[in-house]
Amino acid sequence: MKDLVKLIVTELVEDKDSVGIIVDENDGEVDIKINVAEKDKGRVIGRGGNIINSIRNIARACAVKEDVKVNIKI
């Protein structure tokens, strides 16, 4: 799941070297924190939050397969 989120975010941003993904796992719950350059935050969030919501939906679909709950934050 981490690799999938990193792949998607890396393709969206200009500064690909600044992309960092931090994963924290607790009792069936996975928290993923996305770190990007300040200038690229808008690209990841998207207009009205559409892009980040799509990333969350993809991660949740992947999480169902692993039987965990996933939360994504920027």
N, C-alpha and C. Protein backbone atom coordinates (compact mmCIF):
# COMPACT_ATOMS: atom_id res chain seq x y z
N MET A 1 0.83 -1.19 0.00
CA MET A 1 0.00 0.00 0.00
C MET A 1 0.88 1.26 0.00
N LYS A 2 1.96 1.23 0.80
CA LYS A 2 2.87 2.37 0.86
C LYS A 2 3.47 2.64 -0.52
N ASP A 3 3.88 1.59 -1.20
CA ASP A 3 4.50 1.75 -2.51
C ASP A 3 3.51 2.32 -3.53
N LEU A 4 2.27 1.90 -3.44
CA LEU A 4 1.24 2.40 -4.35
C LEU A 4 1.02 3.90 -4.15
N VAL A 5 0.88 4.32 -2.90
CA VAL A 5 0.67 5.74 -2.60
C VAL A 5 1.88 6.55 -3.04
N LYS A 6 3.08 6.04 -2.77
CA LYS A 6 4.29 6.76 -3.17
C LYS A 6 4.38 6.89 -4.68
N LEU A 7 4.02 5.86 -5.42
CA LEU A 7 4.05 5.91 -6.87
C LEU A 7 3.10 6.98 -7.41
N ILE A 8 1.90 7.02 -6.87
CA ILE A 8 0.90 8.00 -7.33
C ILE A 8 1.36 9.41 -7.02
N VAL A 9 1.80 9.65 -5.79
CA VAL A 9 2.21 10.99 -5.38
C VAL A 9 3.45 11.44 -6.16
N THR A 10 4.40 10.54 -6.37
CA THR A 10 5.62 10.89 -7.10
C THR A 10 5.32 11.35 -8.52
N GLU A 11 4.34 10.73 -9.14
CA GLU A 11 3.98 11.12 -10.50
C GLU A 11 3.25 12.46 -10.56
N LEU A 12 2.68 12.89 -9.46
CA LEU A 12 1.93 14.16 -9.43
C LEU A 12 2.82 15.38 -9.22
N VAL A 13 3.90 15.24 -8.48
CA VAL A 13 4.69 16.39 -8.05
C VAL A 13 5.83 16.69 -9.02
N GLU A 14 6.35 17.92 -8.93
CA GLU A 14 7.51 18.32 -9.72
C GLU A 14 8.81 17.89 -9.04
N ASP A 15 8.90 18.09 -7.72
CA ASP A 15 10.11 17.76 -6.97
C ASP A 15 9.98 16.34 -6.42
N LYS A 16 10.34 15.37 -7.25
CA LYS A 16 10.14 13.96 -6.91
C LYS A 16 11.03 13.49 -5.76
N ASP A 17 12.16 14.16 -5.55
CA ASP A 17 13.08 13.77 -4.48
C ASP A 17 12.55 14.14 -3.10
N SER A 18 11.63 15.08 -3.02
CA SER A 18 11.12 15.52 -1.73
C SER A 18 9.96 14.67 -1.21
N VAL A 19 9.50 13.71 -1.99
CA VAL A 19 8.37 12.88 -1.58
C VAL A 19 8.81 11.91 -0.48
N GLY A 20 8.09 11.95 0.63
CA GLY A 20 8.35 11.04 1.73
C GLY A 20 7.04 10.45 2.23
N ILE A 21 7.06 9.17 2.50
CA ILE A 21 5.87 8.48 3.00
C ILE A 21 6.22 7.86 4.35
N ILE A 22 5.45 8.19 5.37
CA ILE A 22 5.65 7.63 6.70
C ILE A 22 4.43 6.77 7.02
N VAL A 23 4.70 5.52 7.40
CA VAL A 23 3.62 4.58 7.70
C VAL A 23 3.69 4.20 9.17
N ASP A 24 2.53 4.29 9.84
CA ASP A 24 2.42 3.90 11.24
C ASP A 24 1.28 2.89 11.35
N GLU A 25 1.60 1.68 11.79
CA GLU A 25 0.60 0.61 11.87
C GLU A 25 0.22 0.33 13.32
N ASN A 26 -1.08 0.30 13.59
CA ASN A 26 -1.62 0.00 14.91
C ASN A 26 -2.83 -0.90 14.76
N ASP A 27 -2.88 -1.99 15.45
CA ASP A 27 -4.05 -2.88 15.55
C ASP A 27 -5.06 -2.77 14.41
N GLY A 28 -4.67 -3.17 13.22
CA GLY A 28 -5.60 -3.17 12.10
C GLY A 28 -5.88 -1.81 11.51
N GLU A 29 -5.08 -0.83 11.86
CA GLU A 29 -5.25 0.51 11.32
C GLU A 29 -3.89 1.03 10.85
N VAL A 30 -3.86 1.58 9.64
CA VAL A 30 -2.62 2.08 9.06
C VAL A 30 -2.77 3.58 8.81
N ASP A 31 -1.86 4.36 9.38
CA ASP A 31 -1.83 5.80 9.15
C ASP A 31 -0.68 6.09 8.18
N ILE A 32 -0.99 6.74 7.08
CA ILE A 32 0.02 7.09 6.08
C ILE A 32 0.11 8.61 6.03
N LYS A 33 1.31 9.13 6.22
CA LYS A 33 1.54 10.57 6.15
C LYS A 33 2.39 10.85 4.93
N ILE A 34 1.90 11.75 4.08
CA ILE A 34 2.59 12.12 2.85
C ILE A 34 3.31 13.44 3.08
N ASN A 35 4.62 13.44 2.83
CA ASN A 35 5.41 14.66 2.91
C ASN A 35 5.87 15.04 1.51
N VAL A 36 5.55 16.26 1.09
CA VAL A 36 5.99 16.77 -0.20
C VAL A 36 6.48 18.20 -0.02
N ALA A 37 7.15 18.74 -1.02
CA ALA A 37 7.59 20.13 -0.98
C ALA A 37 6.37 21.05 -0.88
N GLU A 38 6.57 22.18 -0.25
CA GLU A 38 5.46 23.13 -0.04
C GLU A 38 4.79 23.52 -1.36
N LYS A 39 5.58 23.70 -2.41
CA LYS A 39 5.01 24.12 -3.69
C LYS A 39 4.19 23.02 -4.37
N ASP A 40 4.38 21.77 -3.95
CA ASP A 40 3.67 20.65 -4.57
C ASP A 40 2.42 20.21 -3.80
N LYS A 41 2.16 20.79 -2.66
CA LYS A 41 0.99 20.38 -1.87
C LYS A 41 -0.30 20.57 -2.64
N GLY A 42 -0.41 21.66 -3.38
CA GLY A 42 -1.61 21.92 -4.17
C GLY A 42 -1.84 20.88 -5.25
N ARG A 43 -0.76 20.38 -5.81
CA ARG A 43 -0.88 19.34 -6.84
C ARG A 43 -1.41 18.04 -6.25
N VAL A 44 -1.00 17.73 -5.02
CA VAL A 44 -1.43 16.48 -4.37
C VAL A 44 -2.87 16.61 -3.86
N ILE A 45 -3.21 17.78 -3.36
CA ILE A 45 -4.57 17.98 -2.83
C ILE A 45 -5.58 18.11 -3.97
N GLY A 46 -5.24 18.91 -4.98
CA GLY A 46 -6.14 19.10 -6.12
C GLY A 46 -7.24 20.10 -5.81
N ARG A 47 -7.91 20.52 -6.85
CA ARG A 47 -9.00 21.49 -6.70
C ARG A 47 -10.15 20.86 -5.93
N GLY A 48 -10.48 21.45 -4.80
CA GLY A 48 -11.58 20.94 -3.98
C GLY A 48 -11.24 19.64 -3.27
N GLY A 49 -9.96 19.27 -3.26
CA GLY A 49 -9.55 18.04 -2.59
C GLY A 49 -9.82 16.79 -3.39
N ASN A 50 -10.09 16.93 -4.68
CA ASN A 50 -10.45 15.78 -5.50
C ASN A 50 -9.33 14.76 -5.64
N ILE A 51 -8.09 15.22 -5.80
CA ILE A 51 -6.99 14.27 -6.02
C ILE A 51 -6.68 13.50 -4.75
N ILE A 52 -6.58 14.18 -3.60
CA ILE A 52 -6.28 13.48 -2.35
C ILE A 52 -7.41 12.52 -1.99
N ASN A 53 -8.64 12.89 -2.28
CA ASN A 53 -9.76 11.98 -2.02
C ASN A 53 -9.69 10.74 -2.91
N SER A 54 -9.24 10.91 -4.14
CA SER A 54 -9.06 9.76 -5.03
C SER A 54 -7.95 8.85 -4.53
N ILE A 55 -6.86 9.45 -4.05
CA ILE A 55 -5.76 8.65 -3.49
C ILE A 55 -6.25 7.87 -2.26
N ARG A 56 -7.05 8.53 -1.44
CA ARG A 56 -7.61 7.86 -0.25
C ARG A 56 -8.51 6.69 -0.66
N ASN A 57 -9.33 6.88 -1.68
CA ASN A 57 -10.22 5.81 -2.14
C ASN A 57 -9.44 4.62 -2.67
N ILE A 58 -8.38 4.88 -3.41
CA ILE A 58 -7.54 3.79 -3.93
C ILE A 58 -6.88 3.04 -2.77
N ALA A 59 -6.36 3.78 -1.80
CA ALA A 59 -5.71 3.14 -0.65
C ALA A 59 -6.71 2.34 0.17
N ARG A 60 -7.91 2.84 0.33
CA ARG A 60 -8.93 2.10 1.09
C ARG A 60 -9.33 0.82 0.37
N ALA A 61 -9.39 0.87 -0.96
CA ALA A 61 -9.71 -0.33 -1.72
C ALA A 61 -8.61 -1.38 -1.55
N CYS A 62 -7.39 -0.94 -1.52
CA CYS A 62 -6.26 -1.83 -1.30
C CYS A 62 -6.27 -2.36 0.14
N ALA A 63 -6.69 -1.53 1.08
CA ALA A 63 -6.72 -1.92 2.50
C ALA A 63 -7.77 -2.99 2.77
N VAL A 64 -8.85 -2.99 2.02
CA VAL A 64 -9.89 -4.01 2.18
C VAL A 64 -9.30 -5.39 1.93
N LYS A 65 -8.43 -5.45 0.95
CA LYS A 65 -7.77 -6.71 0.61
C LYS A 65 -6.91 -7.21 1.76
N GLU A 66 -6.29 -6.28 2.51
CA GLU A 66 -5.43 -6.63 3.64
C GLU A 66 -6.18 -6.63 4.97
N ASP A 67 -7.47 -6.34 4.93
CA ASP A 67 -8.34 -6.30 6.11
C ASP A 67 -7.83 -5.33 7.17
N VAL A 68 -7.51 -4.09 6.75
CA VAL A 68 -7.10 -3.02 7.65
C VAL A 68 -7.84 -1.75 7.28
N LYS A 69 -7.78 -0.78 8.16
CA LYS A 69 -8.36 0.55 7.90
C LYS A 69 -7.19 1.49 7.62
N VAL A 70 -7.34 2.36 6.66
CA VAL A 70 -6.25 3.25 6.29
C VAL A 70 -6.68 4.70 6.40
N ASN A 71 -5.77 5.54 6.90
CA ASN A 71 -5.98 6.98 6.99
C ASN A 71 -4.81 7.65 6.31
N ILE A 72 -5.08 8.63 5.46
CA ILE A 72 -4.00 9.35 4.76
C ILE A 72 -4.07 10.82 5.11
N LYS A 73 -2.90 11.38 5.46
CA LYS A 73 -2.79 12.78 5.80
C LYS A 73 -1.62 13.39 5.03
N ILE A 74 -1.70 14.69 4.78
CA ILE A 74 -0.60 15.39 4.12
C ILE A 74 0.09 16.26 5.15
